[in-house]
C-alpha atoms as a PDB file:
ATOM      1  CA  UNK A   1       0.000   0.000   0.000  1.00  0.00           C
ATOM      2  CA  UNK A   2       1.525   3.353  -1.008  1.00  0.00           C
ATOM      3  CA  UNK A   3       1.072   6.495   0.962  1.00  0.00           C
ATOM      4  CA  UNK A   4      -0.357   9.435  -0.898  1.00  0.00           C
ATOM      5  CA  UNK A   5       1.613  12.678  -0.806  1.00  0.00           C
ATOM      6  CA  UNK A   6       0.381  15.325   1.605  1.00  0.00           C
ATOM      7  CA  UNK A   7      -1.878  17.977   0.060  1.00  0.00           C
ATOM      8  CA  UNK A   8      -0.141  21.105  -1.104  1.00  0.00           C
ATOM      9  CA  UNK A   9      -0.848  24.192   0.923  1.00  0.00           C
ATOM     10  CA  UNK A  10      -1.946  27.220  -1.074  1.00  0.00           C
ATOM     11  CA  UNK A  11       0.694  29.920  -1.558  1.00  0.00           C
ATOM     12  CA  UNK A  12       0.501  32.860   0.759  1.00  0.00           C
ATOM     13  CA  UNK A  13      -0.349  36.179  -0.770  1.00  0.00           C
ATOM     14  CA  UNK A  14       0.624  39.314   1.102  1.00  0.00           C
ATOM     15  CA  UNK A  15      -0.821  42.202  -0.854  1.00  0.00           C
ATOM     16  CA  UNK A  16       0.209  41.341  -4.410  1.00  0.00           C
ATOM     17  CA  UNK A  17      -1.662  39.313  -6.983  1.00  0.00           C
ATOM     18  CA  UNK A  18      -0.231  35.801  -7.118  1.00  0.00           C
ATOM     19  CA  UNK A  19      -0.302  34.040 -10.452  1.00  0.00           C
ATOM     20  CA  UNK A  20      -0.114  30.384 -11.351  1.00  0.00           C
ATOM     21  CA  UNK A  21       2.739  31.053 -13.769  1.00  0.00           C
ATOM     22  CA  UNK A  22       5.010  28.453 -12.205  1.00  0.00           C
ATOM     23  CA  UNK A  23       8.750  28.396 -11.852  1.00  0.00           C
ATOM     24  CA  UNK A  24       9.423  29.423 -15.467  1.00  0.00           C
ATOM     25  CA  UNK A  25       7.482  32.644 -15.078  1.00  0.00           C
ATOM     26  CA  UNK A  26       9.324  33.448 -11.879  1.00  0.00           C
ATOM     27  CA  UNK A  27      12.663  32.622 -13.474  1.00  0.00           C
ATOM     28  CA  UNK A  28      12.179  35.099 -16.302  1.00  0.00           C
ATOM     29  CA  UNK A  29      10.627  37.674 -13.943  1.00  0.00           C
ATOM     30  CA  UNK A  30      13.737  37.533 -11.752  1.00  0.00           C
ATOM     31  CA  UNK A  31      15.990  37.560 -14.821  1.00  0.00           C
ATOM     32  CA  UNK A  32      14.325  40.795 -15.940  1.00  0.00           C
ATOM     33  CA  UNK A  33      15.565  42.494 -12.763  1.00  0.00           C
ATOM     34  CA  UNK A  34      18.973  40.800 -12.532  1.00  0.00           C
ATOM     35  CA  UNK A  35      19.920  41.772 -16.105  1.00  0.00           C
ATOM     36  CA  UNK A  36      17.946  45.015 -16.441  1.00  0.00           C
ATOM     37  CA  UNK A  37      17.254  45.556 -20.139  1.00  0.00           C
ATOM     38  CA  UNK A  38      18.754  42.390 -21.588  1.00  0.00           C
ATOM     39  CA  UNK A  39      16.894  40.123 -19.138  1.00  0.00           C
ATOM     40  CA  UNK A  40      13.612  41.854 -19.903  1.00  0.00           C
ATOM     41  CA  UNK A  41      14.092  41.440 -23.644  1.00  0.00           C
ATOM     42  CA  UNK A  42      15.082  37.767 -23.203  1.00  0.00           C
ATOM     43  CA  UNK A  43      11.992  37.197 -21.065  1.00  0.00           C
ATOM     44  CA  UNK A  44       9.723  38.810 -23.653  1.00  0.00           C
ATOM     45  CA  UNK A  45      11.248  36.814 -26.502  1.00  0.00           C
ATOM     46  CA  UNK A  46      11.381  33.424 -24.771  1.00  0.00           C
ATOM     47  CA  UNK A  47       8.362  33.485 -22.439  1.00  0.00           C
ATOM     48  CA  UNK A  48       6.359  36.507 -23.599  1.00  0.00           C
ATOM     49  CA  UNK A  49       3.048  34.645 -23.450  1.00  0.00           C
ATOM     50  CA  UNK A  50       3.345  34.243 -19.683  1.00  0.00           C
ATOM     51  CA  UNK A  51       1.596  37.208 -17.996  1.00  0.00           C
ATOM     52  CA  UNK A  52       4.009  37.242 -15.028  1.00  0.00           C
ATOM     53  CA  UNK A  53       7.070  37.321 -17.270  1.00  0.00           C
ATOM     54  CA  UNK A  54       5.544  39.920 -19.560  1.00  0.00           C
ATOM     55  CA  UNK A  55       4.548  42.240 -16.704  1.00  0.00           C
ATOM     56  CA  UNK A  56       7.908  42.128 -14.915  1.00  0.00           C
ATOM     57  CA  UNK A  57       9.950  42.351 -18.127  1.00  0.00           C
ATOM     58  CA  UNK A  58       8.040  45.419 -19.293  1.00  0.00           C
ATOM     59  CA  UNK A  59       8.312  47.016 -15.883  1.00  0.00           C
ATOM     60  CA  UNK A  60      12.047  46.318 -15.674  1.00  0.00           C
ATOM     61  CA  UNK A  61      12.715  47.873 -19.080  1.00  0.00           C
ATOM     62  CA  UNK A  62      10.507  50.833 -18.221  1.00  0.00           C
ATOM     63  CA  UNK A  63      12.331  51.437 -14.912  1.00  0.00           C
ATOM     64  CA  UNK A  64      15.643  51.757 -16.752  1.00  0.00           C
ATOM     65  CA  UNK A  65      14.069  54.046 -19.358  1.00  0.00           C
ATOM     66  CA  UNK A  66      12.507  56.181 -16.606  1.00  0.00           C
ATOM     67  CA  UNK A  67      15.917  56.699 -15.039  1.00  0.00           C
ATOM     68  CA  UNK A  68      17.517  57.540 -18.401  1.00  0.00           C
ATOM     69  CA  UNK A  69      14.700  59.951 -19.284  1.00  0.00           C
ATOM     70  CA  UNK A  70      14.963  61.715 -15.921  1.00  0.00           C
ATOM     71  CA  UNK A  71      18.694  62.196 -16.472  1.00  0.00           C
ATOM     72  CA  UNK A  72      18.150  63.503 -20.029  1.00  0.00           C
ATOM     73  CA  UNK A  73      15.426  65.876 -18.828  1.00  0.00           C
ATOM     74  CA  UNK A  74      17.817  67.218 -16.203  1.00  0.00           C
ATOM     75  CA  UNK A  75      20.629  67.564 -18.775  1.00  0.00           C
ATOM     76  CA  UNK A  76      18.478  69.636 -21.131  1.00  0.00           C
ATOM     77  CA  UNK A  77      16.777  71.621 -18.376  1.00  0.00           C
ATOM     78  CA  UNK A  78      20.031  72.100 -16.483  1.00  0.00           C
ATOM     79  CA  UNK A  79      21.761  73.403 -19.587  1.00  0.00           C
ATOM     80  CA  UNK A  80      18.984  75.906 -20.261  1.00  0.00           C
ATOM     81  CA  UNK A  81      18.862  77.024 -16.621  1.00  0.00           C
ATOM     82  CA  UNK A  82      22.645  77.357 -16.497  1.00  0.00           C
ATOM     83  CA  UNK A  83      22.386  80.093 -19.136  1.00  0.00           C
ATOM     84  CA  UNK A  84      20.917  82.363 -16.453  1.00  0.00           C
ATOM     85  CA  UNK A  85      23.791  84.505 -15.147  1.00  0.00           C
ATOM     86  CA  UNK A  86      25.129  83.792 -11.647  1.00  0.00           C
ATOM     87  CA  UNK A  87      22.268  81.718 -10.189  1.00  0.00           C
ATOM     88  CA  UNK A  88      21.728  79.446 -13.204  1.00  0.00           C
ATOM     89  CA  UNK A  89      24.617  77.020 -12.672  1.00  0.00           C
ATOM     90  CA  UNK A  90      23.806  76.739  -8.972  1.00  0.00           C
ATOM     91  CA  UNK A  91      20.157  75.945  -9.741  1.00  0.00           C
ATOM     92  CA  UNK A  92      21.176  73.413 -12.392  1.00  0.00           C
ATOM     93  CA  UNK A  93      23.405  71.588  -9.919  1.00  0.00           C
ATOM     94  CA  UNK A  94      20.684  71.706  -7.279  1.00  0.00           C
ATOM     95  CA  UNK A  95      18.199  70.167  -9.720  1.00  0.00           C
ATOM     96  CA  UNK A  96      20.481  67.166 -10.061  1.00  0.00           C
ATOM     97  CA  UNK A  97      19.330  66.168  -6.580  1.00  0.00           C
ATOM     98  CA  UNK A  98      15.975  65.295  -8.177  1.00  0.00           C
ATOM     99  CA  UNK A  99      17.726  62.870 -10.536  1.00  0.00           C
ATOM    100  CA  UNK A 100      19.540  61.316  -7.585  1.00  0.00           C
ATOM    101  CA  UNK A 101      16.242  61.028  -5.671  1.00  0.00           C
ATOM    102  CA  UNK A 102      14.631  59.310  -8.675  1.00  0.00           C
ATOM    103  CA  UNK A 103      17.561  56.886  -8.924  1.00  0.00           C
ATOM    104  CA  UNK A 104      17.324  56.014  -5.216  1.00  0.00           C
ATOM    105  CA  UNK A 105      13.552  55.578  -5.463  1.00  0.00           C
ATOM    106  CA  UNK A 106      13.793  53.303  -8.510  1.00  0.00           C
ATOM    107  CA  UNK A 107      16.666  51.318  -6.975  1.00  0.00           C
ATOM    108  CA  UNK A 108      14.675  50.676  -3.796  1.00  0.00           C
ATOM    109  CA  UNK A 109      11.619  49.597  -5.788  1.00  0.00           C
ATOM    110  CA  UNK A 110      13.856  47.520  -8.038  1.00  0.00           C
ATOM    111  CA  UNK A 111      15.246  45.596  -5.062  1.00  0.00           C
ATOM    112  CA  UNK A 112      11.788  45.041  -3.587  1.00  0.00           C
ATOM    113  CA  UNK A 113      10.507  43.849  -6.964  1.00  0.00           C
ATOM    114  CA  UNK A 114      13.393  41.441  -7.313  1.00  0.00           C
ATOM    115  CA  UNK A 115      13.765  40.198  -3.760  1.00  0.00           C
ATOM    116  CA  UNK A 116      10.119  39.906  -2.804  1.00  0.00           C
ATOM    117  CA  UNK A 117       7.658  40.198  -5.636  1.00  0.00           C
ATOM    118  CA  UNK A 118       9.273  38.378  -8.584  1.00  0.00           C
ATOM    119  CA  UNK A 119      10.671  35.554  -6.455  1.00  0.00           C
ATOM    120  CA  UNK A 120       7.238  34.909  -4.976  1.00  0.00           C
ATOM    121  CA  UNK A 121       5.567  34.986  -8.374  1.00  0.00           C
ATOM    122  CA  UNK A 122       3.446  38.013  -7.518  1.00  0.00           C
ATOM    123  CA  UNK A 123       2.528  40.957  -9.667  1.00  0.00           C
ATOM    124  CA  UNK A 124       3.030  44.352  -8.062  1.00  0.00           C
ATOM    125  CA  UNK A 125       3.719  47.711  -9.695  1.00  0.00           C
ATOM    126  CA  UNK A 126       6.732  50.011  -9.502  1.00  0.00           C
ATOM    127  CA  UNK A 127       4.916  53.394  -9.438  1.00  0.00           C
ATOM    128  CA  UNK A 128       6.605  55.433 -12.206  1.00  0.00           C
ATOM    129  CA  UNK A 129       7.896  52.503 -14.212  1.00  0.00           C
ATOM    130  CA  UNK A 130       4.438  50.974 -14.546  1.00  0.00           C
ATOM    131  CA  UNK A 131       3.114  54.121 -16.248  1.00  0.00           C
ATOM    132  CA  UNK A 132       6.113  54.307 -18.562  1.00  0.00           C
ATOM    133  CA  UNK A 133       5.631  50.620 -19.433  1.00  0.00           C
ATOM    134  CA  UNK A 134       1.982  51.247 -20.289  1.00  0.00           C
ATOM    135  CA  UNK A 135       2.903  54.081 -22.645  1.00  0.00           C
ATOM    136  CA  UNK A 136       5.939  52.323 -24.085  1.00  0.00           C
ATOM    137  CA  UNK A 137       4.138  49.071 -24.861  1.00  0.00           C
ATOM    138  CA  UNK A 138       0.803  50.799 -25.699  1.00  0.00           C
ATOM    139  CA  UNK A 139      -1.296  48.833 -23.263  1.00  0.00           C
ATOM    140  CA  UNK A 140      -3.047  49.059 -19.955  1.00  0.00           C
ATOM    141  CA  UNK A 141      -0.667  49.321 -16.983  1.00  0.00           C
ATOM    142  CA  UNK A 142       1.104  45.976 -16.674  1.00  0.00           C
ATOM    143  CA  UNK A 143       0.429  45.670 -12.963  1.00  0.00           C
ATOM    144  CA  UNK A 144      -2.129  47.142 -10.623  1.00  0.00           C
ATOM    145  CA  UNK A 145      -0.936  49.005  -7.545  1.00  0.00           C
ATOM    146  CA  UNK A 146      -1.307  46.999  -4.359  1.00  0.00           C
ATOM    147  CA  UNK A 147      -3.209  48.458  -1.472  1.00  0.00           C
END
């Protein structure tokens, strides 16, 4: 007589939406954050049909683009502001603190997305990156904000 395996307990869900994507979806979701742009593109090409992979890959690519766009916006705005005599260069340098704040914010969300959300197989949004992903990929926001 063989013993049947114990029943599987349902996964815990702490605020995010858990999917049944399996280990492959989580693998490519994590890869999207470990290798920022390249991992996201690989995930979209290899496992793009999986909603978990697609959401995290788009969000990962969009987070990098958000950081690049914030730096470019500062570079253009800082150059124009620096044309103002005396106070312009000081204001341009002070505005760079906004770029640094954006980088810290995205890095913190990036780590949370990698360490907690993608490894658990959950879908949770990075605030600015989710909007950029929606515009970049011409779709609804990839992930809904958790409450």
